[in-house]
N, C-alpha and C. Protein backbone atom coordinates (compact mmCIF):
# COMPACT_ATOMS: atom_id res chain seq x y z
N MET A 1 0.86 -1.12 0.07
CA MET A 1 -0.01 0.05 0.00
C MET A 1 0.87 1.28 0.01
N ALA A 2 0.52 2.21 -0.76
CA ALA A 2 1.25 3.47 -0.86
C ALA A 2 0.32 4.61 -0.96
N MET A 3 0.56 5.73 -0.26
CA MET A 3 -0.34 6.87 -0.31
C MET A 3 0.06 7.85 -1.39
N VAL A 4 -0.99 8.50 -2.03
CA VAL A 4 -0.81 9.67 -2.84
C VAL A 4 -1.79 10.68 -2.33
N GLY A 5 -1.40 11.74 -1.72
CA GLY A 5 -2.29 12.68 -1.12
C GLY A 5 -3.06 11.86 -0.03
N ALA A 6 -4.34 11.91 -0.10
CA ALA A 6 -5.14 11.22 0.90
C ALA A 6 -5.66 9.89 0.35
N THR A 7 -5.38 9.49 -0.83
CA THR A 7 -5.85 8.30 -1.50
C THR A 7 -4.80 7.28 -1.58
N PRO A 8 -4.91 6.13 -0.91
CA PRO A 8 -3.80 5.15 -1.04
C PRO A 8 -3.85 4.40 -2.37
N ARG A 9 -2.63 4.03 -2.90
CA ARG A 9 -2.55 3.15 -4.01
C ARG A 9 -2.45 1.75 -3.42
N VAL A 10 -3.20 0.75 -3.87
CA VAL A 10 -3.23 -0.53 -3.31
C VAL A 10 -3.21 -1.60 -4.38
N SER A 11 -2.74 -2.81 -3.94
CA SER A 11 -2.96 -4.03 -4.69
C SER A 11 -4.18 -4.75 -4.10
N ALA A 12 -4.47 -5.90 -4.66
CA ALA A 12 -5.71 -6.61 -4.29
C ALA A 12 -5.48 -7.04 -2.78
N THR A 13 -4.36 -7.35 -2.35
CA THR A 13 -4.20 -7.94 -0.99
C THR A 13 -4.51 -6.80 0.07
N ALA A 14 -4.33 -5.57 -0.27
CA ALA A 14 -4.67 -4.55 0.75
C ALA A 14 -6.02 -4.00 0.78
N LEU A 15 -6.85 -4.45 -0.15
CA LEU A 15 -8.22 -3.94 -0.24
C LEU A 15 -8.98 -4.12 1.00
N SER A 16 -8.87 -5.22 1.73
CA SER A 16 -9.73 -5.55 2.83
C SER A 16 -9.46 -4.47 3.93
N GLY A 17 -8.40 -3.77 3.96
CA GLY A 17 -8.00 -2.84 4.99
C GLY A 17 -8.61 -1.43 4.68
N PHE A 18 -9.34 -1.28 3.54
CA PHE A 18 -9.88 -0.03 3.20
C PHE A 18 -11.39 -0.04 2.82
N VAL A 19 -12.08 -1.00 3.41
CA VAL A 19 -13.48 -1.08 3.21
C VAL A 19 -14.19 0.27 3.53
N GLY A 20 -14.98 0.78 2.56
CA GLY A 20 -15.70 2.07 2.82
C GLY A 20 -14.86 3.28 2.47
N HIS A 21 -13.61 3.06 2.07
CA HIS A 21 -12.71 4.15 1.80
C HIS A 21 -12.36 4.15 0.23
N ASP A 22 -11.84 5.24 -0.26
CA ASP A 22 -11.46 5.36 -1.61
C ASP A 22 -9.96 4.90 -1.66
N VAL A 23 -9.66 4.28 -2.80
CA VAL A 23 -8.40 3.78 -3.16
C VAL A 23 -8.11 4.07 -4.61
N LEU A 24 -6.80 3.99 -4.93
CA LEU A 24 -6.31 3.93 -6.38
C LEU A 24 -5.90 2.54 -6.65
N PHE A 25 -6.43 1.93 -7.70
CA PHE A 25 -6.10 0.55 -7.98
C PHE A 25 -5.66 0.50 -9.45
N VAL A 26 -4.53 -0.12 -9.73
CA VAL A 26 -4.09 -0.28 -11.19
C VAL A 26 -4.12 -1.77 -11.45
N GLY A 27 -4.68 -2.05 -12.63
CA GLY A 27 -4.70 -3.47 -13.04
C GLY A 27 -4.86 -3.61 -14.45
N THR A 28 -4.68 -4.89 -14.99
CA THR A 28 -4.86 -5.23 -16.42
C THR A 28 -6.27 -5.77 -16.56
N VAL A 29 -6.97 -5.26 -17.51
CA VAL A 29 -8.34 -5.78 -17.72
C VAL A 29 -8.34 -7.21 -18.20
N VAL A 30 -9.07 -8.00 -17.57
CA VAL A 30 -9.23 -9.44 -17.96
C VAL A 30 -10.57 -9.67 -18.68
N ASP A 31 -11.67 -9.03 -18.19
CA ASP A 31 -12.98 -9.20 -18.71
C ASP A 31 -13.80 -7.95 -18.45
N ALA A 32 -14.40 -7.37 -19.60
CA ALA A 32 -15.11 -6.14 -19.50
C ALA A 32 -16.51 -6.40 -20.03
N SER A 33 -17.18 -7.52 -19.74
CA SER A 33 -18.43 -7.80 -20.35
C SER A 33 -19.57 -7.59 -19.45
N GLY A 34 -19.31 -7.06 -18.29
CA GLY A 34 -20.34 -6.59 -17.33
C GLY A 34 -19.57 -5.79 -16.30
N ASN A 35 -19.57 -6.22 -15.00
CA ASN A 35 -18.60 -5.64 -14.07
C ASN A 35 -17.19 -6.03 -14.59
N VAL A 36 -16.25 -5.17 -14.40
CA VAL A 36 -14.95 -5.40 -14.98
C VAL A 36 -14.07 -6.30 -14.05
N ILE A 37 -13.37 -7.22 -14.58
CA ILE A 37 -12.40 -8.09 -13.84
C ILE A 37 -11.06 -7.46 -14.24
N MET A 38 -10.30 -7.17 -13.14
CA MET A 38 -8.91 -6.72 -13.47
C MET A 38 -7.96 -7.53 -12.62
N LYS A 39 -6.75 -7.72 -13.21
CA LYS A 39 -5.69 -8.48 -12.52
C LYS A 39 -4.66 -7.41 -12.02
N ASP A 40 -4.31 -7.52 -10.76
CA ASP A 40 -3.35 -6.63 -10.10
C ASP A 40 -1.84 -7.02 -10.34
N VAL A 41 -0.96 -6.29 -9.67
CA VAL A 41 0.50 -6.57 -9.92
C VAL A 41 0.89 -7.92 -9.40
N ASP A 42 0.14 -8.57 -8.50
CA ASP A 42 0.39 -9.94 -7.98
C ASP A 42 -0.39 -10.97 -8.69
N GLY A 43 -1.12 -10.63 -9.72
CA GLY A 43 -1.91 -11.64 -10.37
C GLY A 43 -3.21 -11.97 -9.83
N ARG A 44 -3.70 -11.24 -8.80
CA ARG A 44 -5.01 -11.45 -8.16
C ARG A 44 -6.12 -10.64 -8.91
N ASN A 45 -7.25 -11.30 -9.00
CA ASN A 45 -8.31 -10.62 -9.70
C ASN A 45 -9.12 -9.71 -8.70
N VAL A 46 -9.57 -8.63 -9.22
CA VAL A 46 -10.42 -7.71 -8.46
C VAL A 46 -11.63 -7.29 -9.39
N THR A 47 -12.79 -7.22 -8.89
CA THR A 47 -14.01 -6.91 -9.60
C THR A 47 -14.26 -5.39 -9.42
N VAL A 48 -14.44 -4.66 -10.55
CA VAL A 48 -14.75 -3.21 -10.47
C VAL A 48 -16.14 -3.04 -10.95
N VAL A 49 -16.93 -2.46 -10.08
CA VAL A 49 -18.35 -2.14 -10.46
C VAL A 49 -18.32 -0.77 -11.16
N THR A 50 -18.84 -0.82 -12.40
CA THR A 50 -18.76 0.41 -13.20
C THR A 50 -20.01 0.44 -14.07
N GLN A 51 -20.35 1.77 -14.47
CA GLN A 51 -21.53 1.94 -15.37
C GLN A 51 -21.01 1.85 -16.83
N ASN A 52 -19.71 1.91 -17.08
CA ASN A 52 -19.19 1.90 -18.47
C ASN A 52 -18.12 0.93 -18.71
N PRO A 53 -18.47 -0.40 -18.67
CA PRO A 53 -17.42 -1.39 -18.88
C PRO A 53 -16.80 -1.28 -20.28
N ALA A 54 -17.48 -0.70 -21.28
CA ALA A 54 -16.94 -0.65 -22.62
C ALA A 54 -15.67 0.31 -22.61
N ASN A 55 -15.52 1.14 -21.67
CA ASN A 55 -14.45 2.05 -21.54
C ASN A 55 -13.16 1.44 -21.11
N TYR A 56 -13.24 0.12 -20.63
CA TYR A 56 -12.10 -0.59 -20.08
C TYR A 56 -11.38 -1.36 -21.10
N ALA A 57 -10.06 -1.15 -21.17
CA ALA A 57 -9.19 -1.91 -22.09
C ALA A 57 -7.76 -1.86 -21.51
N HIS A 58 -6.94 -2.84 -21.72
CA HIS A 58 -5.58 -2.85 -21.40
C HIS A 58 -5.34 -2.69 -19.99
N VAL A 59 -4.51 -1.68 -19.51
CA VAL A 59 -4.24 -1.32 -18.17
C VAL A 59 -4.95 -0.07 -17.75
N MET A 60 -5.69 -0.20 -16.69
CA MET A 60 -6.44 0.95 -16.16
C MET A 60 -6.10 1.29 -14.67
N GLU A 61 -6.22 2.63 -14.36
CA GLU A 61 -6.20 3.02 -12.98
C GLU A 61 -7.62 3.35 -12.61
N VAL A 62 -8.08 2.89 -11.50
CA VAL A 62 -9.48 3.11 -10.95
C VAL A 62 -9.35 3.81 -9.66
N LEU A 63 -9.99 4.97 -9.53
CA LEU A 63 -10.26 5.55 -8.30
C LEU A 63 -11.64 5.13 -7.82
N GLY A 64 -11.80 4.40 -6.73
CA GLY A 64 -13.07 3.92 -6.38
C GLY A 64 -13.14 3.65 -4.84
N THR A 65 -14.35 3.24 -4.52
CA THR A 65 -14.62 2.83 -3.07
C THR A 65 -14.58 1.34 -2.93
N VAL A 66 -13.93 0.86 -1.86
CA VAL A 66 -13.84 -0.53 -1.49
C VAL A 66 -15.13 -0.96 -0.87
N ASN A 67 -15.73 -2.03 -1.36
CA ASN A 67 -16.95 -2.62 -0.82
C ASN A 67 -16.68 -3.79 0.13
N HIS A 68 -17.63 -4.10 1.02
CA HIS A 68 -17.41 -5.26 1.91
C HIS A 68 -17.08 -6.50 1.25
N ASP A 69 -17.57 -6.71 0.07
CA ASP A 69 -17.35 -7.92 -0.67
C ASP A 69 -15.94 -8.06 -1.43
N GLY A 70 -15.24 -6.93 -1.21
CA GLY A 70 -13.88 -6.84 -1.88
C GLY A 70 -13.91 -6.27 -3.28
N THR A 71 -15.03 -5.90 -3.76
CA THR A 71 -15.17 -5.24 -5.07
C THR A 71 -14.83 -3.73 -4.84
N VAL A 72 -14.58 -3.10 -6.02
CA VAL A 72 -14.33 -1.63 -6.01
C VAL A 72 -15.41 -0.94 -6.89
N THR A 73 -16.08 -0.01 -6.31
CA THR A 73 -16.96 0.81 -7.14
C THR A 73 -16.35 1.96 -7.66
N GLU A 74 -16.21 2.09 -8.96
CA GLU A 74 -15.55 3.14 -9.75
C GLU A 74 -16.19 4.50 -9.44
N LYS A 75 -15.28 5.46 -9.26
CA LYS A 75 -15.72 6.93 -9.35
C LYS A 75 -15.04 7.52 -10.59
N ARG A 76 -13.85 7.07 -10.89
CA ARG A 76 -13.14 7.54 -12.02
C ARG A 76 -12.21 6.49 -12.57
N ALA A 77 -12.09 6.44 -13.86
CA ALA A 77 -11.03 5.42 -14.34
C ALA A 77 -10.30 6.13 -15.43
N THR A 78 -8.98 5.79 -15.50
CA THR A 78 -8.02 6.32 -16.40
C THR A 78 -7.37 5.22 -17.13
N ALA A 79 -7.34 5.28 -18.46
CA ALA A 79 -6.60 4.40 -19.29
C ALA A 79 -5.08 4.56 -19.28
N PHE A 80 -4.33 3.58 -18.98
CA PHE A 80 -2.85 3.63 -19.02
C PHE A 80 -2.35 2.99 -20.33
N GLY A 81 -3.11 2.33 -21.10
CA GLY A 81 -2.76 1.80 -22.37
C GLY A 81 -2.05 0.36 -22.29
N PRO A 82 -1.75 -0.19 -23.47
CA PRO A 82 -1.20 -1.53 -23.58
C PRO A 82 0.21 -1.59 -23.19
N SER A 83 0.96 -0.47 -23.14
CA SER A 83 2.46 -0.57 -22.88
C SER A 83 2.84 -0.26 -21.44
N PHE A 84 1.92 -0.03 -20.56
CA PHE A 84 2.16 0.15 -19.16
C PHE A 84 2.79 -0.95 -18.54
N ASP A 85 3.99 -0.77 -17.82
CA ASP A 85 4.76 -1.87 -17.26
C ASP A 85 4.28 -2.09 -15.85
N MET A 86 3.61 -3.33 -15.68
CA MET A 86 3.05 -3.63 -14.29
C MET A 86 4.17 -4.08 -13.49
N ALA A 87 5.27 -4.65 -13.92
CA ALA A 87 6.38 -4.99 -13.09
C ALA A 87 7.02 -3.81 -12.47
N ASN A 88 7.11 -2.77 -13.22
CA ASN A 88 7.69 -1.38 -12.72
C ASN A 88 6.79 -0.89 -11.66
N TYR A 89 5.45 -0.94 -11.90
CA TYR A 89 4.51 -0.43 -10.98
C TYR A 89 4.48 -1.24 -9.67
N LYS A 90 4.73 -2.53 -9.82
CA LYS A 90 4.85 -3.34 -8.61
C LYS A 90 6.00 -2.87 -7.73
N GLU A 91 7.21 -2.58 -8.38
CA GLU A 91 8.30 -2.09 -7.65
C GLU A 91 8.05 -0.75 -7.07
N LEU A 92 7.39 0.10 -7.80
CA LEU A 92 7.07 1.48 -7.19
C LEU A 92 6.16 1.28 -5.97
N LEU A 93 5.12 0.40 -5.99
CA LEU A 93 4.32 0.20 -4.82
C LEU A 93 5.15 -0.22 -3.53
N GLY A 94 6.16 -1.03 -3.85
CA GLY A 94 7.05 -1.50 -2.71
C GLY A 94 7.86 -0.28 -2.22
N ILE A 95 8.38 0.57 -3.10
CA ILE A 95 9.16 1.66 -2.70
C ILE A 95 8.30 2.62 -1.91
N MET A 96 7.12 2.86 -2.45
CA MET A 96 6.21 3.82 -1.75
C MET A 96 5.82 3.39 -0.37
N ALA A 97 5.73 2.07 -0.18
CA ALA A 97 5.24 1.59 1.10
C ALA A 97 6.42 1.31 2.09
N SER A 98 7.71 1.43 1.68
CA SER A 98 8.82 1.09 2.52
C SER A 98 9.01 2.30 3.53
N PRO A 99 9.33 1.89 4.77
CA PRO A 99 9.51 2.94 5.82
C PRO A 99 10.56 4.03 5.49
N ALA A 100 11.55 3.65 4.69
CA ALA A 100 12.58 4.60 4.24
C ALA A 100 12.10 5.72 3.29
N HIS A 101 11.05 5.35 2.54
CA HIS A 101 10.53 6.27 1.49
C HIS A 101 9.11 6.74 1.74
N ARG A 102 8.35 6.14 2.58
CA ARG A 102 6.90 6.39 2.75
C ARG A 102 6.58 7.89 2.87
N SER A 103 7.39 8.63 3.61
CA SER A 103 7.03 10.05 3.88
C SER A 103 7.13 10.87 2.45
N LEU A 104 7.89 10.40 1.52
CA LEU A 104 7.94 11.20 0.27
C LEU A 104 6.68 11.09 -0.43
N PHE A 105 5.82 10.12 -0.16
CA PHE A 105 4.63 9.92 -0.98
C PHE A 105 3.34 10.14 -0.20
N GLN A 106 3.43 10.79 0.96
CA GLN A 106 2.24 11.08 1.72
C GLN A 106 1.87 12.58 1.60
């Protein structure tokens, strides 16, 4: 987990700690035929509740509220495109969460 302003950047494993709160989640779109299924940096699937699944493709960043069932209800989504490097993003999350660097990202 890493903070950007007041909104934490999280992977799927951290979602349960933010029920009822807004998070930033980045993932690769696996299925956009209803609610959107996205794969996070660790390969875990997260369901995003959205009104516009057709807008989802490739890698997306979702600002949304974490629900009790582990889904995320979208408030805003941003396309990062097909060339976004999830491995680099995973490293960034680790750096942002490390005690040595955490204060730089809060």
